[in-house]
Amino acid sequence: MATTYDFPSDLRTGQEELHQVRAELSALLKRLPWSVEPLDGFSDDNGWRKVERPASPGWTADEQAEVEKLRQREHELAVFVSCHRFWAEVAAGDRVEARMRLKHAHETPPGESGE
């Protein structure tokens, strides 16, 4: 039987917010132009595959600020989750498994094993 972990609620909440922030950042970056700065488009077929990019108008100041805000929050949450006091209670050899279970803890209600 796999080990179950009783993750503290603040750790579960931090991990869930980290998932949300990463999803929001990913979706934002997909919507934005490929270049932060305005650049001309290009086409290059000299490599092993053809690469083409349309002209990029660049990101607006608001878009840059939103990306920076999300990246900063992602960093804060990653530090919070990875440095949480809970990990000191988990045997060193079990931390990778526990960390993987935490990443999927949102898929099962608290108190269930998630097996």
PDB file of N, CA and C in Angstrom:
ATOM      1  N   MET A   1       0.845  -1.187   0.000  1.00  0.00           N
ATOM      2  CA  MET A   1       0.000   0.000   0.000  1.00  0.00           C
ATOM      3  C   MET A   1       0.884   1.242   0.000  1.00  0.00           C
ATOM      4  N   ALA A   2       0.529   2.209  -0.813  1.00  0.00           N
ATOM      5  CA  ALA A   2       1.296   3.438  -0.909  1.00  0.00           C
ATOM      6  C   ALA A   2       1.103   4.286   0.341  1.00  0.00           C
ATOM      7  N   THR A   3       2.126   5.027   0.672  1.00  0.00           N
ATOM      8  CA  THR A   3       2.073   5.922   1.814  1.00  0.00           C
ATOM      9  C   THR A   3       1.103   7.066   1.523  1.00  0.00           C
ATOM     10  N   THR A   4       0.341   7.442   2.527  1.00  0.00           N
ATOM     11  CA  THR A   4      -0.536   8.613   2.396  1.00  0.00           C
ATOM     12  C   THR A   4       0.085   9.751   3.191  1.00  0.00           C
ATOM     13  N   TYR A   5      -0.178  10.947   2.759  1.00  0.00           N
ATOM     14  CA  TYR A   5       0.382  12.130   3.411  1.00  0.00           C
ATOM     15  C   TYR A   5      -0.741  13.071   3.795  1.00  0.00           C
ATOM     16  N   ASP A   6      -0.649  13.573   5.016  1.00  0.00           N
ATOM     17  CA  ASP A   6      -1.630  14.533   5.503  1.00  0.00           C
ATOM     18  C   ASP A   6      -1.045  15.932   5.300  1.00  0.00           C
ATOM     19  N   PHE A   7      -1.199  16.437   4.079  1.00  0.00           N
ATOM     20  CA  PHE A   7      -0.629  17.738   3.751  1.00  0.00           C
ATOM     21  C   PHE A   7      -1.363  18.841   4.500  1.00  0.00           C
ATOM     22  N   PRO A   8      -0.637  19.784   5.082  1.00  0.00           N
ATOM     23  CA  PRO A   8      -1.280  20.919   5.751  1.00  0.00           C
ATOM     24  C   PRO A   8      -2.107  21.710   4.731  1.00  0.00           C
ATOM     25  N   SER A   9      -3.174  22.322   5.200  1.00  0.00           N
ATOM     26  CA  SER A   9      -4.077  23.038   4.288  1.00  0.00           C
ATOM     27  C   SER A   9      -3.370  24.202   3.579  1.00  0.00           C
ATOM     28  N   ASP A  10      -2.454  24.888   4.262  1.00  0.00           N
ATOM     29  CA  ASP A  10      -1.769  26.000   3.596  1.00  0.00           C
ATOM     30  C   ASP A  10      -0.841  25.515   2.486  1.00  0.00           C
ATOM     31  N   LEU A  11      -0.272  24.323   2.652  1.00  0.00           N
ATOM     32  CA  LEU A  11       0.580  23.746   1.616  1.00  0.00           C
ATOM     33  C   LEU A  11      -0.260  23.332   0.408  1.00  0.00           C
ATOM     34  N   ARG A  12      -1.401  22.693   0.676  1.00  0.00           N
ATOM     35  CA  ARG A  12      -2.314  22.310  -0.420  1.00  0.00           C
ATOM     36  C   ARG A  12      -2.805  23.554  -1.165  1.00  0.00           C
ATOM     37  N   THR A  13      -3.163  24.591  -0.413  1.00  0.00           N
ATOM     38  CA  THR A  13      -3.642  25.832  -1.018  1.00  0.00           C
ATOM     39  C   THR A  13      -2.539  26.491  -1.849  1.00  0.00           C
ATOM     40  N   GLY A  14      -1.325  26.510  -1.328  1.00  0.00           N
ATOM     41  CA  GLY A  14      -0.199  27.077  -2.065  1.00  0.00           C
ATOM     42  C   GLY A  14       0.064  26.325  -3.359  1.00  0.00           C
ATOM     43  N   GLN A  15      -0.001  24.993  -3.302  1.00  0.00           N
ATOM     44  CA  GLN A  15       0.224  24.188  -4.499  1.00  0.00           C
ATOM     45  C   GLN A  15      -0.881  24.422  -5.525  1.00  0.00           C
ATOM     46  N   GLU A  16      -2.123  24.497  -5.064  1.00  0.00           N
ATOM     47  CA  GLU A  16      -3.238  24.738  -5.980  1.00  0.00           C
ATOM     48  C   GLU A  16      -3.110  26.114  -6.637  1.00  0.00           C
ATOM     49  N   GLU A  17      -2.743  27.124  -5.857  1.00  0.00           N
ATOM     50  CA  GLU A  17      -2.561  28.452  -6.436  1.00  0.00           C
ATOM     51  C   GLU A  17      -1.402  28.443  -7.432  1.00  0.00           C
ATOM     52  N   LEU A  18      -0.358  27.686  -7.131  1.00  0.00           N
ATOM     53  CA  LEU A  18       0.768  27.566  -8.058  1.00  0.00           C
ATOM     54  C   LEU A  18       0.306  26.977  -9.389  1.00  0.00           C
ATOM     55  N   HIS A  19      -0.525  25.934  -9.342  1.00  0.00           N
ATOM     56  CA  HIS A  19      -1.097  25.370 -10.575  1.00  0.00           C
ATOM     57  C   HIS A  19      -1.868  26.442 -11.343  1.00  0.00           C
ATOM     58  N   GLN A  20      -2.692  27.201 -10.634  1.00  0.00           N
ATOM     59  CA  GLN A  20      -3.530  28.217 -11.271  1.00  0.00           C
ATOM     60  C   GLN A  20      -2.689  29.336 -11.900  1.00  0.00           C
ATOM     61  N   VAL A  21      -1.693  29.804 -11.173  1.00  0.00           N
ATOM     62  CA  VAL A  21      -0.841  30.879 -11.681  1.00  0.00           C
ATOM     63  C   VAL A  21      -0.080  30.400 -12.915  1.00  0.00           C
ATOM     64  N   ARG A  22       0.439  29.179 -12.869  1.00  0.00           N
ATOM     65  CA  ARG A  22       1.164  28.658 -14.035  1.00  0.00           C
ATOM     66  C   ARG A  22       0.251  28.509 -15.243  1.00  0.00           C
ATOM     67  N   ALA A  23      -0.980  28.074 -15.027  1.00  0.00           N
ATOM     68  CA  ALA A  23      -1.935  27.944 -16.136  1.00  0.00           C
ATOM     69  C   ALA A  23      -2.277  29.317 -16.702  1.00  0.00           C
ATOM     70  N   GLU A  24      -2.478  30.298 -15.829  1.00  0.00           N
ATOM     71  CA  GLU A  24      -2.800  31.661 -16.269  1.00  0.00           C
ATOM     72  C   GLU A  24      -1.631  32.273 -17.041  1.00  0.00           C
ATOM     73  N   LEU A  25      -0.409  32.071 -16.550  1.00  0.00           N
ATOM     74  CA  LEU A  25       0.772  32.588 -17.223  1.00  0.00           C
ATOM     75  C   LEU A  25       0.952  31.927 -18.588  1.00  0.00           C
ATOM     76  N   SER A  26       0.773  30.635 -18.642  1.00  0.00           N
ATOM     77  CA  SER A  26       0.900  29.906 -19.908  1.00  0.00           C
ATOM     78  C   SER A  26      -0.114  30.404 -20.933  1.00  0.00           C
ATOM     79  N   ALA A  27      -1.355  30.579 -20.510  1.00  0.00           N
ATOM     80  CA  ALA A  27      -2.401  31.059 -21.415  1.00  0.00           C
ATOM     81  C   ALA A  27      -2.090  32.486 -21.891  1.00  0.00           C
ATOM     82  N   LEU A  28      -1.600  33.330 -21.003  1.00  0.00           N
ATOM     83  CA  LEU A  28      -1.256  34.697 -21.368  1.00  0.00           C
ATOM     84  C   LEU A  28      -0.125  34.707 -22.389  1.00  0.00           C
ATOM     85  N   LEU A  29       0.922  33.928 -22.138  1.00  0.00           N
ATOM     86  CA  LEU A  29       2.063  33.904 -23.056  1.00  0.00           C
ATOM     87  C   LEU A  29       1.678  33.379 -24.440  1.00  0.00           C
ATOM     88  N   LYS A  30       0.711  32.477 -24.499  1.00  0.00           N
ATOM     89  CA  LYS A  30       0.244  31.971 -25.795  1.00  0.00           C
ATOM     90  C   LYS A  30      -0.511  33.043 -26.576  1.00  0.00           C
ATOM     91  N   ARG A  31      -1.168  33.956 -25.870  1.00  0.00           N
ATOM     92  CA  ARG A  31      -1.939  35.027 -26.523  1.00  0.00           C
ATOM     93  C   ARG A  31      -1.067  36.183 -26.993  1.00  0.00           C
ATOM     94  N   LEU A  32       0.064  36.381 -26.344  1.00  0.00           N
ATOM     95  CA  LEU A  32       0.912  37.532 -26.636  1.00  0.00           C
ATOM     96  C   LEU A  32       1.739  37.315 -27.905  1.00  0.00           C
ATOM     97  N   PRO A  33       2.175  38.413 -28.532  1.00  0.00           N
ATOM     98  CA  PRO A  33       3.076  38.288 -29.681  1.00  0.00           C
ATOM     99  C   PRO A  33       4.352  37.538 -29.290  1.00  0.00           C
ATOM    100  N   TRP A  34       5.009  36.955 -30.275  1.00  0.00           N
ATOM    101  CA  TRP A  34       6.175  36.108 -29.999  1.00  0.00           C
ATOM    102  C   TRP A  34       7.368  36.888 -29.466  1.00  0.00           C
ATOM    103  N   SER A  35       7.431  38.190 -29.702  1.00  0.00           N
ATOM    104  CA  SER A  35       8.559  38.994 -29.239  1.00  0.00           C
ATOM    105  C   SER A  35       8.067  40.092 -28.296  1.00  0.00           C
ATOM    106  N   VAL A  36       8.798  40.290 -27.225  1.00  0.00           N
ATOM    107  CA  VAL A  36       8.464  41.355 -26.282  1.00  0.00           C
ATOM    108  C   VAL A  36       8.641  42.715 -26.955  1.00  0.00           C
ATOM    109  N   GLU A  37       9.717  42.863 -27.693  1.00  0.00           N
ATOM    110  CA  GLU A  37      10.024  44.108 -28.400  1.00  0.00           C
ATOM    111  C   GLU A  37       9.472  44.026 -29.822  1.00  0.00           C
ATOM    112  N   PRO A  38       9.070  45.144 -30.416  1.00  0.00           N
ATOM    113  CA  PRO A  38       8.631  45.116 -31.813  1.00  0.00           C
ATOM    114  C   PRO A  38       9.772  44.634 -32.726  1.00  0.00           C
ATOM    115  N   LEU A  39       9.479  43.657 -33.559  1.00  0.00           N
ATOM    116  CA  LEU A  39      10.471  43.120 -34.494  1.00  0.00           C
ATOM    117  C   LEU A  39       9.810  42.799 -35.816  1.00  0.00           C
ATOM    118  N   ASP A  40      10.599  42.894 -36.873  1.00  0.00           N
ATOM    119  CA  ASP A  40      10.111  42.503 -38.191  1.00  0.00           C
ATOM    120  C   ASP A  40       9.945  40.993 -38.244  1.00  0.00           C
ATOM    121  N   GLY A  41       9.077  40.547 -39.124  1.00  0.00           N
ATOM    122  CA  GLY A  41       8.923  39.121 -39.344  1.00  0.00           C
ATOM    123  C   GLY A  41      10.116  38.575 -40.102  1.00  0.00           C
ATOM    124  N   PHE A  42      10.233  37.251 -40.137  1.00  0.00           N
ATOM    125  CA  PHE A  42      11.335  36.643 -40.878  1.00  0.00           C
ATOM    126  C   PHE A  42      10.958  35.242 -41.318  1.00  0.00           C
ATOM    127  N   SER A  43      11.712  34.770 -42.279  1.00  0.00           N
ATOM    128  CA  SER A  43      11.565  33.408 -42.790  1.00  0.00           C
ATOM    129  C   SER A  43      12.962  32.858 -43.015  1.00  0.00           C
ATOM    130  N   ASP A  44      13.226  31.671 -42.490  1.00  0.00           N
ATOM    131  CA  ASP A  44      14.544  31.068 -42.617  1.00  0.00           C
ATOM    132  C   ASP A  44      14.360  29.596 -42.946  1.00  0.00           C
ATOM    133  N   ASP A  45      14.801  29.192 -44.137  1.00  0.00           N
ATOM    134  CA  ASP A  45      14.691  27.777 -44.502  1.00  0.00           C
ATOM    135  C   ASP A  45      16.072  27.149 -44.695  1.00  0.00           C
ATOM    136  N   ASN A  46      17.102  27.735 -44.078  1.00  0.00           N
ATOM    137  CA  ASN A  46      18.461  27.201 -44.192  1.00  0.00           C
ATOM    138  C   ASN A  46      18.763  26.131 -43.152  1.00  0.00           C
ATOM    139  N   GLY A  47      17.966  26.013 -42.127  1.00  0.00           N
ATOM    140  CA  GLY A  47      18.201  25.024 -41.082  1.00  0.00           C
ATOM    141  C   GLY A  47      17.548  23.693 -41.422  1.00  0.00           C
ATOM    142  N   TRP A  48      17.447  22.833 -40.440  1.00  0.00           N
ATOM    143  CA  TRP A  48      16.871  21.502 -40.664  1.00  0.00           C
ATOM    144  C   TRP A  48      15.361  21.567 -40.840  1.00  0.00           C
ATOM    145  N   ARG A  49      14.759  22.711 -40.460  1.00  0.00           N
ATOM    146  CA  ARG A  49      13.342  22.935 -40.725  1.00  0.00           C
ATOM    147  C   ARG A  49      13.125  24.420 -40.954  1.00  0.00           C
ATOM    148  N   LYS A  50      12.113  24.720 -41.683  1.00  0.00           N
ATOM    149  CA  LYS A  50      11.811  26.115 -41.985  1.00  0.00           C
ATOM    150  C   LYS A  50      11.218  26.792 -40.754  1.00  0.00           C
ATOM    151  N   VAL A  51      11.672  28.000 -40.485  1.00  0.00           N
ATOM    152  CA  VAL A  51      11.179  28.787 -39.361  1.00  0.00           C
ATOM    153  C   VAL A  51      10.636  30.093 -39.914  1.00  0.00           C
ATOM    154  N   GLU A  52       9.408  30.399 -39.539  1.00  0.00           N
ATOM    155  CA  GLU A  52       8.796  31.656 -39.959  1.00  0.00           C
ATOM    156  C   GLU A  52       8.146  32.324 -38.756  1.00  0.00           C
ATOM    157  N   ARG A  53       8.265  33.629 -38.726  1.00  0.00           N
ATOM    158  CA  ARG A  53       7.597  34.422 -37.698  1.00  0.00           C
ATOM    159  C   ARG A  53       7.012  35.655 -38.365  1.00  0.00           C
ATOM    160  N   PRO A  54       5.773  35.992 -38.045  1.00  0.00           N
ATOM    161  CA  PRO A  54       5.214  37.239 -38.559  1.00  0.00           C
ATOM    162  C   PRO A  54       5.825  38.417 -37.805  1.00  0.00           C
ATOM    163  N   ALA A  55       5.631  39.599 -38.307  1.00  0.00           N
ATOM    164  CA  ALA A  55       6.094  40.795 -37.590  1.00  0.00           C
ATOM    165  C   ALA A  55       5.420  40.833 -36.221  1.00  0.00           C
ATOM    166  N   SER A  56       6.178  41.241 -35.226  1.00  0.00           N
ATOM    167  CA  SER A  56       5.653  41.327 -33.859  1.00  0.00           C
ATOM    168  C   SER A  56       5.526  42.785 -33.448  1.00  0.00           C
ATOM    169  N   PRO A  57       4.332  43.180 -33.006  1.00  0.00           N
ATOM    170  CA  PRO A  57       4.177  44.553 -32.527  1.00  0.00           C
ATOM    171  C   PRO A  57       4.806  44.753 -31.147  1.00  0.00           C
ATOM    172  N   GLY A  58       5.243  43.668 -30.523  1.00  0.00           N
ATOM    173  CA  GLY A  58       5.794  43.751 -29.172  1.00  0.00           C
ATOM    174  C   GLY A  58       4.678  43.714 -28.135  1.00  0.00           C
ATOM    175  N   TRP A  59       5.076  43.719 -26.889  1.00  0.00           N
ATOM    176  CA  TRP A  59       4.110  43.703 -25.795  1.00  0.00           C
ATOM    177  C   TRP A  59       3.900  45.131 -25.311  1.00  0.00           C
ATOM    178  N   THR A  60       2.691  45.411 -24.877  1.00  0.00           N
ATOM    179  CA  THR A  60       2.409  46.711 -24.269  1.00  0.00           C
ATOM    180  C   THR A  60       2.999  46.731 -22.860  1.00  0.00           C
ATOM    181  N   ALA A  61       3.083  47.901 -22.294  1.00  0.00           N
ATOM    182  CA  ALA A  61       3.577  48.021 -20.914  1.00  0.00           C
ATOM    183  C   ALA A  61       2.681  47.245 -19.953  1.00  0.00           C
ATOM    184  N   ASP A  62       1.371  47.265 -20.188  1.00  0.00           N
ATOM    185  CA  ASP A  62       0.439  46.526 -19.331  1.00  0.00           C
ATOM    186  C   ASP A  62       0.661  45.018 -19.453  1.00  0.00           C
ATOM    187  N   GLU A  63       0.897  44.555 -20.674  1.00  0.00           N
ATOM    188  CA  GLU A  63       1.155  43.118 -20.876  1.00  0.00           C
ATOM    189  C   GLU A  63       2.452  42.704 -20.194  1.00  0.00           C
ATOM    190  N   GLN A  64       3.483  43.510 -20.329  1.00  0.00           N
ATOM    191  CA  GLN A  64       4.754  43.213 -19.662  1.00  0.00           C
ATOM    192  C   GLN A  64       4.582  43.180 -18.147  1.00  0.00           C
ATOM    193  N   ALA A  65       3.809  44.125 -17.621  1.00  0.00           N
ATOM    194  CA  ALA A  65       3.573  44.180 -16.177  1.00  0.00           C
ATOM    195  C   ALA A  65       2.797  42.947 -15.704  1.00  0.00           C
ATOM    196  N   GLU A  66       1.821  42.513 -16.492  1.00  0.00           N
ATOM    197  CA  GLU A  66       1.028  41.333 -16.117  1.00  0.00           C
ATOM    198  C   GLU A  66       1.895  40.080 -16.118  1.00  0.00           C
ATOM    199  N   VAL A  67       2.745  39.922 -17.123  1.00  0.00           N
ATOM    200  CA  VAL A  67       3.650  38.769 -17.171  1.00  0.00           C
ATOM    201  C   VAL A  67       4.592  38.803 -15.972  1.00  0.00           C
ATOM    202  N   GLU A  68       5.153  39.959 -15.678  1.00  0.00           N
ATOM    203  CA  GLU A  68       6.070  40.081 -14.550  1.00  0.00           C
ATOM    204  C   GLU A  68       5.367  39.767 -13.228  1.00  0.00           C
ATOM    205  N   LYS A  69       4.148  40.247 -13.075  1.00  0.00           N
ATOM    206  CA  LYS A  69       3.372  39.982 -11.850  1.00  0.00           C
ATOM    207  C   LYS A  69       3.141  38.480 -11.679  1.00  0.00           C
ATOM    208  N   LEU A  70       2.746  37.824 -12.754  1.00  0.00           N
ATOM    209  CA  LEU A  70       2.493  36.375 -12.673  1.00  0.00           C
ATOM    210  C   LEU A  70       3.779  35.599 -12.430  1.00  0.00           C
ATOM    211  N   ARG A  71       4.863  35.991 -13.077  1.00  0.00           N
ATOM    212  CA  ARG A  71       6.149  35.304 -12.856  1.00  0.00           C
ATOM    213  C   ARG A  71       6.622  35.479 -11.422  1.00  0.00           C
ATOM    214  N   GLN A  72       6.447  36.673 -10.883  1.00  0.00           N
ATOM    215  CA  GLN A  72       6.836  36.929  -9.493  1.00  0.00           C
ATOM    216  C   GLN A  72       6.000  36.085  -8.538  1.00  0.00           C
ATOM    217  N   ARG A  73       4.696  36.021  -8.780  1.00  0.00           N
ATOM    218  CA  ARG A  73       3.826  35.217  -7.909  1.00  0.00           C
ATOM    219  C   ARG A  73       4.168  33.736  -8.042  1.00  0.00           C
ATOM    220  N   GLU A  74       4.453  33.284  -9.258  1.00  0.00           N
ATOM    221  CA  GLU A  74       4.856  31.890  -9.463  1.00  0.00           C
ATOM    222  C   GLU A  74       6.112  31.582  -8.653  1.00  0.00           C
ATOM    223  N   HIS A  75       7.065  32.482  -8.685  1.00  0.00           N
ATOM    224  CA  HIS A  75       8.307  32.297  -7.928  1.00  0.00           C
ATOM    225  C   HIS A  75       8.029  32.236  -6.417  1.00  0.00           C
ATOM    226  N   GLU A  76       7.224  33.161  -5.920  1.00  0.00           N
ATOM    227  CA  GLU A  76       6.890  33.184  -4.492  1.00  0.00           C
ATOM    228  C   GLU A  76       6.231  31.876  -4.060  1.00  0.00           C
ATOM    229  N   LEU A  77       5.295  31.405  -4.875  1.00  0.00           N
ATOM    230  CA  LEU A  77       4.587  30.169  -4.527  1.00  0.00           C
ATOM    231  C   LEU A  77       5.496  28.955  -4.612  1.00  0.00           C
ATOM    232  N   ALA A  78       6.370  28.916  -5.615  1.00  0.00           N
ATOM    233  CA  ALA A  78       7.295  27.796  -5.741  1.00  0.00           C
ATOM    234  C   ALA A  78       8.218  27.722  -4.523  1.00  0.00           C
ATOM    235  N   VAL A  79       8.692  28.871  -4.072  1.00  0.00           N
ATOM    236  CA  VAL A  79       9.542  28.913  -2.883  1.00  0.00           C
ATOM    237  C   VAL A  79       8.743  28.487  -1.654  1.00  0.00           C
ATOM    238  N   PHE A  80       7.523  29.001  -1.515  1.00  0.00           N
ATOM    239  CA  PHE A  80       6.685  28.642  -0.372  1.00  0.00           C
ATOM    240  C   PHE A  80       6.458  27.130  -0.312  1.00  0.00           C
ATOM    241  N   VAL A  81       6.085  26.546  -1.439  1.00  0.00           N
ATOM    242  CA  VAL A  81       5.773  25.111  -1.475  1.00  0.00           C
ATOM    243  C   VAL A  81       7.029  24.283  -1.229  1.00  0.00           C
ATOM    244  N   SER A  82       8.115  24.608  -1.893  1.00  0.00           N
ATOM    245  CA  SER A  82       9.318  23.777  -1.779  1.00  0.00           C
ATOM    246  C   SER A  82      10.034  23.928  -0.440  1.00  0.00           C
ATOM    247  N   CYS A  83       9.836  25.043   0.241  1.00  0.00           N
ATOM    248  CA  CYS A  83      10.517  25.277   1.517  1.00  0.00           C
ATOM    249  C   CYS A  83       9.576  25.143   2.721  1.00  0.00           C
ATOM    250  N   HIS A  84       8.386  24.635   2.501  1.00  0.00           N
ATOM    251  CA  HIS A  84       7.412  24.512   3.587  1.00  0.00           C
ATOM    252  C   HIS A  84       7.949  23.603   4.690  1.00  0.00           C
ATOM    253  N   ARG A  85       7.623  23.923   5.924  1.00  0.00           N
ATOM    254  CA  ARG A  85       8.096  23.159   7.088  1.00  0.00           C
ATOM    255  C   ARG A  85       7.657  21.691   7.045  1.00  0.00           C
ATOM    256  N   PHE A  86       6.588  21.384   6.299  1.00  0.00           N
ATOM    257  CA  PHE A  86       6.091  20.019   6.208  1.00  0.00           C
ATOM    258  C   PHE A  86       7.158  19.058   5.702  1.00  0.00           C
ATOM    259  N   TRP A  87       8.003  19.512   4.775  1.00  0.00           N
ATOM    260  CA  TRP A  87       8.974  18.605   4.155  1.00  0.00           C
ATOM    261  C   TRP A  87       9.992  18.082   5.162  1.00  0.00           C
ATOM    262  N   ALA A  88      10.218  18.810   6.244  1.00  0.00           N
ATOM    263  CA  ALA A  88      11.139  18.336   7.281  1.00  0.00           C
ATOM    264  C   ALA A  88      10.574  17.125   8.017  1.00  0.00           C
ATOM    265  N   GLU A  89       9.253  16.949   7.982  1.00  0.00           N
ATOM    266  CA  GLU A  89       8.602  15.819   8.648  1.00  0.00           C
ATOM    267  C   GLU A  89       8.609  14.553   7.795  1.00  0.00           C
ATOM    268  N   VAL A  90       8.955  14.698   6.520  1.00  0.00           N
ATOM    269  CA  VAL A  90       8.940  13.567   5.595  1.00  0.00           C
ATOM    270  C   VAL A  90      10.360  13.026   5.477  1.00  0.00           C
ATOM    271  N   ALA A  91      10.502  11.708   5.576  1.00  0.00           N
ATOM    272  CA  ALA A  91      11.815  11.088   5.444  1.00  0.00           C
ATOM    273  C   ALA A  91      12.427  11.468   4.097  1.00  0.00           C
ATOM    274  N   ALA A  92      13.726  11.705   4.091  1.00  0.00           N
ATOM    275  CA  ALA A  92      14.412  12.165   2.880  1.00  0.00           C
ATOM    276  C   ALA A  92      14.123  11.261   1.682  1.00  0.00           C
ATOM    277  N   GLY A  93      14.090   9.972   1.891  1.00  0.00           N
ATOM    278  CA  GLY A  93      13.849   9.044   0.801  1.00  0.00           C
ATOM    279  C   GLY A  93      12.428   9.050   0.274  1.00  0.00           C
ATOM    280  N   ASP A  94      11.511   9.662   1.006  1.00  0.00           N
ATOM    281  CA  ASP A  94      10.099   9.696   0.608  1.00  0.00           C
ATOM    282  C   ASP A  94       9.668  11.047   0.053  1.00  0.00           C
ATOM    283  N   ARG A  95      10.556  12.023   0.056  1.00  0.00           N
ATOM    284  CA  ARG A  95      10.157  13.383  -0.326  1.00  0.00           C
ATOM    285  C   ARG A  95       9.752  13.505  -1.781  1.00  0.00           C
ATOM    286  N   VAL A  96      10.410  12.797  -2.670  1.00  0.00           N
ATOM    287  CA  VAL A  96      10.049  12.905  -4.088  1.00  0.00           C
ATOM    288  C   VAL A  96       8.633  12.371  -4.289  1.00  0.00           C
ATOM    289  N   GLU A  97       8.330  11.216  -3.699  1.00  0.00           N
ATOM    290  CA  GLU A  97       6.981  10.661  -3.823  1.00  0.00           C
ATOM    291  C   GLU A  97       5.952  11.600  -3.201  1.00  0.00           C
ATOM    292  N   ALA A  98       6.272  12.136  -2.026  1.00  0.00           N
ATOM    293  CA  ALA A  98       5.346  13.053  -1.360  1.00  0.00           C
ATOM    294  C   ALA A  98       5.118  14.305  -2.206  1.00  0.00           C
ATOM    295  N   ARG A  99       6.186  14.812  -2.804  1.00  0.00           N
ATOM    296  CA  ARG A  99       6.053  16.009  -3.636  1.00  0.00           C
ATOM    297  C   ARG A  99       5.175  15.720  -4.847  1.00  0.00           C
ATOM    298  N   MET A 100       5.342  14.552  -5.449  1.00  0.00           N
ATOM    299  CA  MET A 100       4.507  14.186  -6.600  1.00  0.00           C
ATOM    300  C   MET A 100       3.046  14.049  -6.176  1.00  0.00           C
ATOM    301  N   ARG A 101       2.809  13.494  -5.018  1.00  0.00           N
ATOM    302  CA  ARG A 101       1.426  13.365  -4.527  1.00  0.00           C
ATOM    303  C   ARG A 101       0.815  14.742  -4.260  1.00  0.00           C
ATOM    304  N   LEU A 102       1.619  15.665  -3.733  1.00  0.00           N
ATOM    305  CA  LEU A 102       1.104  17.011  -3.497  1.00  0.00           C
ATOM    306  C   LEU A 102       0.692  17.663  -4.812  1.00  0.00           C
ATOM    307  N   LYS A 103       1.477  17.450  -5.857  1.00  0.00           N
ATOM    308  CA  LYS A 103       1.151  18.054  -7.153  1.00  0.00           C
ATOM    309  C   LYS A 103      -0.202  17.589  -7.665  1.00  0.00           C
ATOM    310  N   HIS A 104      -0.641  16.415  -7.227  1.00  0.00           N
ATOM    311  CA  HIS A 104      -1.933  15.874  -7.666  1.00  0.00           C
ATOM    312  C   HIS A 104      -2.975  15.872  -6.552  1.00  0.00           C
ATOM    313  N   ALA A 105      -2.654  16.494  -5.434  1.00  0.00           N
ATOM    314  CA  ALA A 105      -3.567  16.496  -4.289  1.00  0.00           C
ATOM    315  C   ALA A 105      -4.881  17.191  -4.600  1.00  0.00           C
ATOM    316  N   HIS A 106      -4.882  18.131  -5.526  1.00  0.00           N
ATOM    317  CA  HIS A 106      -6.115  18.844  -5.881  1.00  0.00           C
ATOM    318  C   HIS A 106      -7.117  17.920  -6.564  1.00  0.00           C
ATOM    319  N   GLU A 107      -6.660  16.767  -7.017  1.00  0.00           N
ATOM    320  CA  GLU A 107      -7.535  15.810  -7.701  1.00  0.00           C
ATOM    321  C   GLU A 107      -8.341  14.975  -6.720  1.00  0.00           C
ATOM    322  N   THR A 108      -7.928  14.960  -5.452  1.00  0.00           N
ATOM    323  CA  THR A 108      -8.655  14.210  -4.414  1.00  0.00           C
ATOM    324  C   THR A 108      -8.884  15.136  -3.220  1.00  0.00           C
ATOM    325  N   PRO A 109     -10.035  14.991  -2.567  1.00  0.00           N
ATOM    326  CA  PRO A 109     -10.321  15.817  -1.382  1.00  0.00           C
ATOM    327  C   PRO A 109      -9.319  15.532  -0.260  1.00  0.00           C
ATOM    328  N   PRO A 110      -9.090  16.503   0.637  1.00  0.00           N
ATOM    329  CA  PRO A 110      -8.201  16.275   1.777  1.00  0.00           C
ATOM    330  C   PRO A 110      -8.640  15.068   2.583  1.00  0.00           C
ATOM    331  N   GLY A 111      -7.682  14.291   3.059  1.00  0.00           N
ATOM    332  CA  GLY A 111      -7.986  13.130   3.883  1.00  0.00           C
ATOM    333  C   GLY A 111      -8.082  11.838   3.096  1.00  0.00           C
ATOM    334  N   GLU A 112      -8.213  11.912   1.757  1.00  0.00           N
ATOM    335  CA  GLU A 112      -8.236  10.708   0.940  1.00  0.00           C
ATOM    336  C   GLU A 112      -6.824  10.453   0.434  1.00  0.00           C
ATOM    337  N   SER A 113      -6.510   9.202   0.179  1.00  0.00           N
ATOM    338  CA  SER A 113      -5.142   8.835  -0.171  1.00  0.00           C
ATOM    339  C   SER A 113      -4.772   9.202  -1.595  1.00  0.00           C
ATOM    340  N   GLY A 114      -5.724   9.216  -2.504  1.00  0.00           N
ATOM    341  CA  GLY A 114      -5.410   9.549  -3.874  1.00  0.00           C
ATOM    342  C   GLY A 114      -4.756   8.424  -4.628  1.00  0.00           C
ATOM    343  N   GLU A 115      -4.947   7.200  -4.164  1.00  0.00           N
ATOM    344  CA  GLU A 115      -4.333   6.046  -4.833  1.00  0.00           C
ATOM    345  C   GLU A 115      -5.056   5.692  -6.087  1.00  0.00           C
TER     346      GLU A 115
END
